[in-house]
């Protein structure tokens, strides 16, 4: 199984339009970016997306993905579902998994699209392509939001989703002891109503006993990528994690 970070940025991405901070200027000068948040999971011949970034068209083209088998949405914010419109007139009837409430919220925006709504409740385990998934509630006010637990062949991966530290105790239990923890961290420090900073995210990683931690959903508050990686376990667009044998480029024909 392969997990690939298609986008590690927050809602505006990096560089931010009309922003001339050090990080955004460095991104323009050195031609790097943090695209909006989306995660690809490949197992056997199946492709699943966790969230559908507004940058999805470029992300799929660059990875030569011509068909997506399923999508899972974590919450109804545009930077996490807006790219689903790229399926319009390209691929119909995509299976989409999330809670009934999140389906209802996103469906108001995507009423023109044909897709298969797969409603799953929090803590209800389900499978896609021999991979088990469990959604668990997190805290991202004012909307309903979930994190994702992924289990395959003895491995456990946890994706925090967008959340602050006020996560329900039952969800914390679901999150414990992952081999990989992909956790939202919008900035190195500071207090945020809906998100964690790096210190909080790393504290949570320690609490749940994560073996490997990757910070994602990064804002331009972090230093340029080449500097940030010296101090924080920040993710990078197109970063891959392989579980078992096989790599994504092999699946795509390289």
C-alpha atoms as a PDB file:
ATOM      1  CA  UNK A   1       0.000   0.000   0.000  1.00  0.00           C
ATOM      2  CA  UNK A   2       1.195   3.490  -0.888  1.00  0.00           C
ATOM      3  CA  UNK A   3       0.174   6.746   0.783  1.00  0.00           C
ATOM      4  CA  UNK A   4       1.112   9.934  -1.037  1.00  0.00           C
ATOM      5  CA  UNK A   5       0.680  13.531   0.110  1.00  0.00           C
ATOM      6  CA  UNK A   6      -0.720  15.266  -2.968  1.00  0.00           C
ATOM      7  CA  UNK A   7      -0.990  18.582  -1.164  1.00  0.00           C
ATOM      8  CA  UNK A   8       0.293  19.713   2.235  1.00  0.00           C
ATOM      9  CA  UNK A   9      -0.963  23.302   2.282  1.00  0.00           C
ATOM     10  CA  UNK A  10      -3.762  25.043   4.149  1.00  0.00           C
ATOM     11  CA  UNK A  11      -6.763  26.734   2.507  1.00  0.00           C
ATOM     12  CA  UNK A  12      -4.868  29.396   0.474  1.00  0.00           C
ATOM     13  CA  UNK A  13      -1.835  27.179  -0.192  1.00  0.00           C
ATOM     14  CA  UNK A  14       1.715  28.511  -0.405  1.00  0.00           C
ATOM     15  CA  UNK A  15       2.578  30.906  -1.930  1.00  0.00           C
ATOM     16  CA  UNK A  16      -0.506  32.875  -0.942  1.00  0.00           C
ATOM     17  CA  UNK A  17      -1.922  35.233  -3.563  1.00  0.00           C
ATOM     18  CA  UNK A  18      -0.828  38.836  -2.930  1.00  0.00           C
ATOM     19  CA  UNK A  19       1.328  37.847   0.044  1.00  0.00           C
ATOM     20  CA  UNK A  20       4.965  38.903   0.027  1.00  0.00           C
ATOM     21  CA  UNK A  21       6.148  37.348   3.264  1.00  0.00           C
ATOM     22  CA  UNK A  22       9.528  35.608   3.330  1.00  0.00           C
ATOM     23  CA  UNK A  23       8.024  32.155   2.806  1.00  0.00           C
ATOM     24  CA  UNK A  24       5.771  33.160  -0.091  1.00  0.00           C
ATOM     25  CA  UNK A  25       8.550  35.069  -1.819  1.00  0.00           C
ATOM     26  CA  UNK A  26      10.919  32.135  -1.388  1.00  0.00           C
ATOM     27  CA  UNK A  27       8.306  29.815  -2.911  1.00  0.00           C
ATOM     28  CA  UNK A  28       7.973  32.069  -5.965  1.00  0.00           C
ATOM     29  CA  UNK A  29      11.708  32.545  -6.377  1.00  0.00           C
ATOM     30  CA  UNK A  30      12.650  28.881  -5.964  1.00  0.00           C
ATOM     31  CA  UNK A  31       9.519  27.474  -7.629  1.00  0.00           C
ATOM     32  CA  UNK A  32       8.139  25.312  -4.861  1.00  0.00           C
ATOM     33  CA  UNK A  33       4.670  25.302  -3.355  1.00  0.00           C
ATOM     34  CA  UNK A  34       2.345  23.673  -0.880  1.00  0.00           C
ATOM     35  CA  UNK A  35      -0.829  22.809  -2.732  1.00  0.00           C
ATOM     36  CA  UNK A  36      -4.156  22.397  -1.042  1.00  0.00           C
ATOM     37  CA  UNK A  37      -4.684  19.306   1.108  1.00  0.00           C
ATOM     38  CA  UNK A  38      -5.362  15.902  -0.429  1.00  0.00           C
ATOM     39  CA  UNK A  39      -3.977  12.425   0.231  1.00  0.00           C
ATOM     40  CA  UNK A  40      -3.783   9.536  -2.231  1.00  0.00           C
ATOM     41  CA  UNK A  41      -3.953   5.899  -1.162  1.00  0.00           C
ATOM     42  CA  UNK A  42      -3.086   3.168  -3.636  1.00  0.00           C
ATOM     43  CA  UNK A  43      -3.624  -0.491  -2.845  1.00  0.00           C
ATOM     44  CA  UNK A  44      -3.462  -3.229  -5.492  1.00  0.00           C
ATOM     45  CA  UNK A  45      -5.059  -1.588  -8.540  1.00  0.00           C
ATOM     46  CA  UNK A  46      -7.331   0.775  -6.604  1.00  0.00           C
ATOM     47  CA  UNK A  47      -6.924   4.508  -6.026  1.00  0.00           C
ATOM     48  CA  UNK A  48      -8.592   6.298  -3.110  1.00  0.00           C
ATOM     49  CA  UNK A  49      -8.462   9.993  -2.243  1.00  0.00           C
ATOM     50  CA  UNK A  50      -8.776  11.439   1.240  1.00  0.00           C
ATOM     51  CA  UNK A  51     -10.304  14.844   0.448  1.00  0.00           C
ATOM     52  CA  UNK A  52     -10.426  16.451  -2.984  1.00  0.00           C
ATOM     53  CA  UNK A  53      -8.284  19.570  -3.086  1.00  0.00           C
ATOM     54  CA  UNK A  54      -9.078  22.566  -5.331  1.00  0.00           C
ATOM     55  CA  UNK A  55      -5.697  21.729  -6.901  1.00  0.00           C
ATOM     56  CA  UNK A  56      -6.862  18.214  -7.751  1.00  0.00           C
ATOM     57  CA  UNK A  57      -6.648  18.521 -11.548  1.00  0.00           C
ATOM     58  CA  UNK A  58      -2.925  19.301 -11.427  1.00  0.00           C
ATOM     59  CA  UNK A  59      -2.330  16.706  -8.742  1.00  0.00           C
ATOM     60  CA  UNK A  60      -3.955  13.930 -10.766  1.00  0.00           C
ATOM     61  CA  UNK A  61      -2.344  14.979 -14.047  1.00  0.00           C
ATOM     62  CA  UNK A  62       1.145  15.070 -12.564  1.00  0.00           C
ATOM     63  CA  UNK A  63       0.650  11.628 -11.028  1.00  0.00           C
ATOM     64  CA  UNK A  64      -0.953  10.263 -14.205  1.00  0.00           C
ATOM     65  CA  UNK A  65      -4.052   9.136 -12.355  1.00  0.00           C
ATOM     66  CA  UNK A  66      -6.812   8.576 -14.914  1.00  0.00           C
ATOM     67  CA  UNK A  67      -9.447   7.045 -12.669  1.00  0.00           C
ATOM     68  CA  UNK A  68     -10.278   7.311  -8.976  1.00  0.00           C
ATOM     69  CA  UNK A  69     -12.111   4.404  -7.356  1.00  0.00           C
ATOM     70  CA  UNK A  70     -13.306   6.126  -4.200  1.00  0.00           C
ATOM     71  CA  UNK A  71     -13.188   9.383  -2.253  1.00  0.00           C
ATOM     72  CA  UNK A  72     -13.448  10.040   1.467  1.00  0.00           C
ATOM     73  CA  UNK A  73     -14.306  13.546   2.725  1.00  0.00           C
ATOM     74  CA  UNK A  74     -13.257  14.704   6.203  1.00  0.00           C
ATOM     75  CA  UNK A  75     -15.354  17.896   6.429  1.00  0.00           C
ATOM     76  CA  UNK A  76     -17.312  20.446   4.372  1.00  0.00           C
ATOM     77  CA  UNK A  77     -14.692  23.168   3.853  1.00  0.00           C
ATOM     78  CA  UNK A  78     -13.994  24.121   0.245  1.00  0.00           C
ATOM     79  CA  UNK A  79     -10.258  23.443   0.414  1.00  0.00           C
ATOM     80  CA  UNK A  80     -11.086  19.820   1.237  1.00  0.00           C
ATOM     81  CA  UNK A  81     -13.868  19.085  -1.253  1.00  0.00           C
ATOM     82  CA  UNK A  82     -13.760  21.783  -3.968  1.00  0.00           C
ATOM     83  CA  UNK A  83     -11.650  19.780  -6.413  1.00  0.00           C
ATOM     84  CA  UNK A  84     -14.329  17.118  -6.694  1.00  0.00           C
ATOM     85  CA  UNK A  85     -15.835  19.255  -9.467  1.00  0.00           C
ATOM     86  CA  UNK A  86     -12.892  18.133 -11.627  1.00  0.00           C
ATOM     87  CA  UNK A  87     -14.789  14.857 -12.071  1.00  0.00           C
ATOM     88  CA  UNK A  88     -17.512  16.740 -13.956  1.00  0.00           C
ATOM     89  CA  UNK A  89     -17.833  15.202 -17.464  1.00  0.00           C
ATOM     90  CA  UNK A  90     -14.664  13.173 -16.801  1.00  0.00           C
ATOM     91  CA  UNK A  91     -15.727  10.395 -14.453  1.00  0.00           C
ATOM     92  CA  UNK A  92     -19.208   9.790 -13.094  1.00  0.00           C
ATOM     93  CA  UNK A  93     -20.642   7.795 -10.222  1.00  0.00           C
ATOM     94  CA  UNK A  94     -17.580   7.965  -7.991  1.00  0.00           C
ATOM     95  CA  UNK A  95     -18.072   6.275  -4.603  1.00  0.00           C
ATOM     96  CA  UNK A  96     -17.814   8.930  -1.886  1.00  0.00           C
ATOM     97  CA  UNK A  97     -17.639   8.006   1.796  1.00  0.00           C
ATOM     98  CA  UNK A  98     -18.351  10.281   4.740  1.00  0.00           C
ATOM     99  CA  UNK A  99     -20.883  10.872   7.491  1.00  0.00           C
ATOM    100  CA  UNK A 100     -24.507  11.727   6.633  1.00  0.00           C
ATOM    101  CA  UNK A 101     -24.124  15.289   7.935  1.00  0.00           C
ATOM    102  CA  UNK A 102     -20.966  15.990   5.923  1.00  0.00           C
ATOM    103  CA  UNK A 103     -22.642  14.526   2.828  1.00  0.00           C
ATOM    104  CA  UNK A 104     -25.598  16.849   3.350  1.00  0.00           C
ATOM    105  CA  UNK A 105     -23.401  19.944   3.725  1.00  0.00           C
ATOM    106  CA  UNK A 106     -21.190  19.254   0.695  1.00  0.00           C
ATOM    107  CA  UNK A 107     -24.119  18.081  -1.419  1.00  0.00           C
ATOM    108  CA  UNK A 108     -25.556  21.607  -1.390  1.00  0.00           C
ATOM    109  CA  UNK A 109     -22.548  22.743  -3.437  1.00  0.00           C
ATOM    110  CA  UNK A 110     -22.134  19.694  -5.675  1.00  0.00           C
ATOM    111  CA  UNK A 111     -25.769  19.081  -6.602  1.00  0.00           C
ATOM    112  CA  UNK A 112     -24.879  19.181 -10.331  1.00  0.00           C
ATOM    113  CA  UNK A 113     -22.570  16.151 -10.021  1.00  0.00           C
ATOM    114  CA  UNK A 114     -23.474  12.496 -10.150  1.00  0.00           C
ATOM    115  CA  UNK A 115     -21.733  10.485  -7.459  1.00  0.00           C
ATOM    116  CA  UNK A 116     -22.552   7.568  -5.183  1.00  0.00           C
ATOM    117  CA  UNK A 117     -23.065   8.687  -1.613  1.00  0.00           C
ATOM    118  CA  UNK A 118     -21.790   6.092   0.843  1.00  0.00           C
ATOM    119  CA  UNK A 119     -22.942   7.147   4.300  1.00  0.00           C
ATOM    120  CA  UNK A 120     -20.885   5.862   7.214  1.00  0.00           C
ATOM    121  CA  UNK A 121     -21.208   6.748  10.868  1.00  0.00           C
ATOM    122  CA  UNK A 122     -18.387   7.655  13.219  1.00  0.00           C
ATOM    123  CA  UNK A 123     -16.610   4.599  14.664  1.00  0.00           C
ATOM    124  CA  UNK A 124     -18.235   2.371  12.029  1.00  0.00           C
ATOM    125  CA  UNK A 125     -15.549   0.282  10.344  1.00  0.00           C
ATOM    126  CA  UNK A 126     -15.768  -0.216   6.570  1.00  0.00           C
ATOM    127  CA  UNK A 127     -13.493  -1.548   3.838  1.00  0.00           C
ATOM    128  CA  UNK A 128     -12.353  -0.405   0.407  1.00  0.00           C
ATOM    129  CA  UNK A 129     -10.013  -2.661  -1.587  1.00  0.00           C
ATOM    130  CA  UNK A 130      -9.027  -4.779   1.445  1.00  0.00           C
ATOM    131  CA  UNK A 131      -8.153  -1.636   3.421  1.00  0.00           C
ATOM    132  CA  UNK A 132     -10.161  -0.934   6.577  1.00  0.00           C
ATOM    133  CA  UNK A 133     -11.232   2.597   7.464  1.00  0.00           C
ATOM    134  CA  UNK A 134     -12.779   4.123  10.572  1.00  0.00           C
ATOM    135  CA  UNK A 135     -13.910   7.738  10.838  1.00  0.00           C
ATOM    136  CA  UNK A 136     -13.701   9.390  14.242  1.00  0.00           C
ATOM    137  CA  UNK A 137     -14.993  12.815  15.354  1.00  0.00           C
ATOM    138  CA  UNK A 138     -12.530  15.649  15.845  1.00  0.00           C
ATOM    139  CA  UNK A 139     -13.074  19.327  16.701  1.00  0.00           C
ATOM    140  CA  UNK A 140     -13.053  21.870  13.866  1.00  0.00           C
ATOM    141  CA  UNK A 141     -15.723  24.439  14.718  1.00  0.00           C
ATOM    142  CA  UNK A 142     -18.267  25.266  13.507  1.00  0.00           C
ATOM    143  CA  UNK A 143     -18.554  22.267  11.125  1.00  0.00           C
ATOM    144  CA  UNK A 144     -18.659  18.523  11.693  1.00  0.00           C
ATOM    145  CA  UNK A 145     -15.241  17.041  10.960  1.00  0.00           C
ATOM    146  CA  UNK A 146     -13.643  13.617  11.183  1.00  0.00           C
ATOM    147  CA  UNK A 147     -10.226  12.067  11.256  1.00  0.00           C
ATOM    148  CA  UNK A 148      -9.423   8.776   9.564  1.00  0.00           C
ATOM    149  CA  UNK A 149      -7.954   5.523  10.870  1.00  0.00           C
ATOM    150  CA  UNK A 150      -6.566   3.231   8.158  1.00  0.00           C
ATOM    151  CA  UNK A 151      -5.640  -0.399   8.813  1.00  0.00           C
ATOM    152  CA  UNK A 152      -3.996  -2.778   6.368  1.00  0.00           C
ATOM    153  CA  UNK A 153      -1.923  -5.919   6.782  1.00  0.00           C
ATOM    154  CA  UNK A 154      -0.989  -5.132  10.377  1.00  0.00           C
ATOM    155  CA  UNK A 155      -0.185  -1.452   9.701  1.00  0.00           C
ATOM    156  CA  UNK A 156      -2.095   1.460  11.192  1.00  0.00           C
ATOM    157  CA  UNK A 157      -2.147   4.972   9.742  1.00  0.00           C
ATOM    158  CA  UNK A 158      -4.009   7.840  11.381  1.00  0.00           C
ATOM    159  CA  UNK A 159      -4.936  11.107   9.679  1.00  0.00           C
ATOM    160  CA  UNK A 160      -6.025  13.716  12.196  1.00  0.00           C
ATOM    161  CA  UNK A 161      -8.144  15.740   9.806  1.00  0.00           C
ATOM    162  CA  UNK A 162      -8.541  19.450  10.537  1.00  0.00           C
ATOM    163  CA  UNK A 163      -8.878  19.813  14.295  1.00  0.00           C
ATOM    164  CA  UNK A 164      -7.771  21.608  17.407  1.00  0.00           C
ATOM    165  CA  UNK A 165      -6.579  19.736  20.497  1.00  0.00           C
ATOM    166  CA  UNK A 166     -10.086  19.296  21.946  1.00  0.00           C
ATOM    167  CA  UNK A 167     -10.593  15.827  20.479  1.00  0.00           C
ATOM    168  CA  UNK A 168     -13.095  13.466  22.150  1.00  0.00           C
ATOM    169  CA  UNK A 169     -11.572  10.792  24.380  1.00  0.00           C
ATOM    170  CA  UNK A 170     -13.145   7.981  22.366  1.00  0.00           C
ATOM    171  CA  UNK A 171     -11.462   9.351  19.227  1.00  0.00           C
ATOM    172  CA  UNK A 172      -8.115   9.505  21.030  1.00  0.00           C
ATOM    173  CA  UNK A 173      -8.481   5.800  21.797  1.00  0.00           C
ATOM    174  CA  UNK A 174      -9.059   5.082  18.089  1.00  0.00           C
ATOM    175  CA  UNK A 175      -5.939   7.051  17.201  1.00  0.00           C
ATOM    176  CA  UNK A 176      -3.493   5.304  19.537  1.00  0.00           C
ATOM    177  CA  UNK A 177      -0.260   3.629  18.397  1.00  0.00           C
ATOM    178  CA  UNK A 178      -0.204   4.392  14.667  1.00  0.00           C
ATOM    179  CA  UNK A 179       2.756   3.493  12.490  1.00  0.00           C
ATOM    180  CA  UNK A 180       2.233   6.820  10.701  1.00  0.00           C
ATOM    181  CA  UNK A 181       0.426   9.904  12.010  1.00  0.00           C
ATOM    182  CA  UNK A 182      -0.409  12.642   9.498  1.00  0.00           C
ATOM    183  CA  UNK A 183      -1.476  15.575  11.626  1.00  0.00           C
ATOM    184  CA  UNK A 184      -2.657  19.088  10.810  1.00  0.00           C
ATOM    185  CA  UNK A 185      -0.392  21.901  11.964  1.00  0.00           C
ATOM    186  CA  UNK A 186      -1.117  25.281  10.482  1.00  0.00           C
ATOM    187  CA  UNK A 187       1.789  27.164  12.104  1.00  0.00           C
ATOM    188  CA  UNK A 188       4.856  26.616  14.281  1.00  0.00           C
ATOM    189  CA  UNK A 189       3.246  28.470  17.207  1.00  0.00           C
ATOM    190  CA  UNK A 190       0.295  30.650  18.119  1.00  0.00           C
ATOM    191  CA  UNK A 191      -3.266  29.946  19.181  1.00  0.00           C
ATOM    192  CA  UNK A 192      -5.848  28.943  16.570  1.00  0.00           C
ATOM    193  CA  UNK A 193      -9.533  28.240  17.099  1.00  0.00           C
ATOM    194  CA  UNK A 194      -9.813  25.470  14.509  1.00  0.00           C
ATOM    195  CA  UNK A 195      -6.288  24.086  14.120  1.00  0.00           C
ATOM    196  CA  UNK A 196      -3.210  22.977  16.031  1.00  0.00           C
ATOM    197  CA  UNK A 197       0.224  24.525  15.970  1.00  0.00           C
ATOM    198  CA  UNK A 198       3.338  22.367  15.683  1.00  0.00           C
ATOM    199  CA  UNK A 199       3.901  22.108  19.435  1.00  0.00           C
ATOM    200  CA  UNK A 200       0.318  20.954  19.983  1.00  0.00           C
ATOM    201  CA  UNK A 201       0.446  18.501  17.089  1.00  0.00           C
ATOM    202  CA  UNK A 202       3.673  16.941  18.344  1.00  0.00           C
ATOM    203  CA  UNK A 203       2.265  16.758  21.862  1.00  0.00           C
ATOM    204  CA  UNK A 204      -0.753  14.871  20.503  1.00  0.00           C
ATOM    205  CA  UNK A 205       1.564  12.559  18.552  1.00  0.00           C
ATOM    206  CA  UNK A 206       3.358  11.739  21.796  1.00  0.00           C
ATOM    207  CA  UNK A 207       0.082  11.166  23.635  1.00  0.00           C
ATOM    208  CA  UNK A 208      -1.103   8.588  21.097  1.00  0.00           C
ATOM    209  CA  UNK A 209       2.300   6.919  20.742  1.00  0.00           C
ATOM    210  CA  UNK A 210       2.856   7.610  17.041  1.00  0.00           C
ATOM    211  CA  UNK A 211       5.923   5.870  15.579  1.00  0.00           C
ATOM    212  CA  UNK A 212       6.325   8.385  12.742  1.00  0.00           C
ATOM    213  CA  UNK A 213       4.831  11.877  12.579  1.00  0.00           C
ATOM    214  CA  UNK A 214       4.290  14.094   9.546  1.00  0.00           C
ATOM    215  CA  UNK A 215       2.889  17.618   9.855  1.00  0.00           C
ATOM    216  CA  UNK A 216       0.536  18.668   7.083  1.00  0.00           C
ATOM    217  CA  UNK A 217      -2.097  21.335   6.284  1.00  0.00           C
ATOM    218  CA  UNK A 218       0.778  23.808   6.629  1.00  0.00           C
ATOM    219  CA  UNK A 219       0.351  27.565   6.368  1.00  0.00           C
ATOM    220  CA  UNK A 220       2.836  30.133   5.093  1.00  0.00           C
ATOM    221  CA  UNK A 221       3.526  30.852   8.778  1.00  0.00           C
ATOM    222  CA  UNK A 222       6.118  28.082   8.568  1.00  0.00           C
ATOM    223  CA  UNK A 223       9.519  29.059   7.158  1.00  0.00           C
ATOM    224  CA  UNK A 224      10.437  28.075   3.581  1.00  0.00           C
ATOM    225  CA  UNK A 225      10.369  24.306   3.126  1.00  0.00           C
ATOM    226  CA  UNK A 226      14.147  23.811   3.029  1.00  0.00           C
ATOM    227  CA  UNK A 227      14.399  25.581   6.402  1.00  0.00           C
ATOM    228  CA  UNK A 228      11.238  24.177   7.989  1.00  0.00           C
ATOM    229  CA  UNK A 229      12.410  20.560   7.548  1.00  0.00           C
ATOM    230  CA  UNK A 230      15.409  21.279   9.788  1.00  0.00           C
ATOM    231  CA  UNK A 231      13.188  22.032  12.758  1.00  0.00           C
ATOM    232  CA  UNK A 232       9.869  20.259  12.198  1.00  0.00           C
ATOM    233  CA  UNK A 233       8.736  16.947  10.648  1.00  0.00           C
ATOM    234  CA  UNK A 234       6.840  18.839   7.953  1.00  0.00           C
ATOM    235  CA  UNK A 235       5.438  16.949   5.011  1.00  0.00           C
ATOM    236  CA  UNK A 236       6.156  17.872   1.420  1.00  0.00           C
ATOM    237  CA  UNK A 237       3.955  17.717  -1.657  1.00  0.00           C
ATOM    238  CA  UNK A 238       4.288  14.325  -3.400  1.00  0.00           C
ATOM    239  CA  UNK A 239       5.982  12.708  -0.408  1.00  0.00           C
ATOM    240  CA  UNK A 240       5.329   8.952  -0.357  1.00  0.00           C
ATOM    241  CA  UNK A 241       5.071   6.337   2.369  1.00  0.00           C
ATOM    242  CA  UNK A 242       5.238   2.680   1.365  1.00  0.00           C
ATOM    243  CA  UNK A 243       3.760  -0.179   3.398  1.00  0.00           C
ATOM    244  CA  UNK A 244       4.718  -3.610   2.149  1.00  0.00           C
ATOM    245  CA  UNK A 245       6.205  -3.977  -1.336  1.00  0.00           C
ATOM    246  CA  UNK A 246       5.715  -1.723  -4.337  1.00  0.00           C
ATOM    247  CA  UNK A 247       5.959   1.968  -5.109  1.00  0.00           C
ATOM    248  CA  UNK A 248       3.524   4.325  -6.782  1.00  0.00           C
ATOM    249  CA  UNK A 249       5.772   4.943  -9.810  1.00  0.00           C
ATOM    250  CA  UNK A 250       5.846   1.179 -10.460  1.00  0.00           C
ATOM    251  CA  UNK A 251       2.058   1.091 -10.498  1.00  0.00           C
ATOM    252  CA  UNK A 252       1.997   3.986 -12.963  1.00  0.00           C
ATOM    253  CA  UNK A 253       4.411   2.345 -15.368  1.00  0.00           C
ATOM    254  CA  UNK A 254       7.838   3.902 -14.704  1.00  0.00           C
END
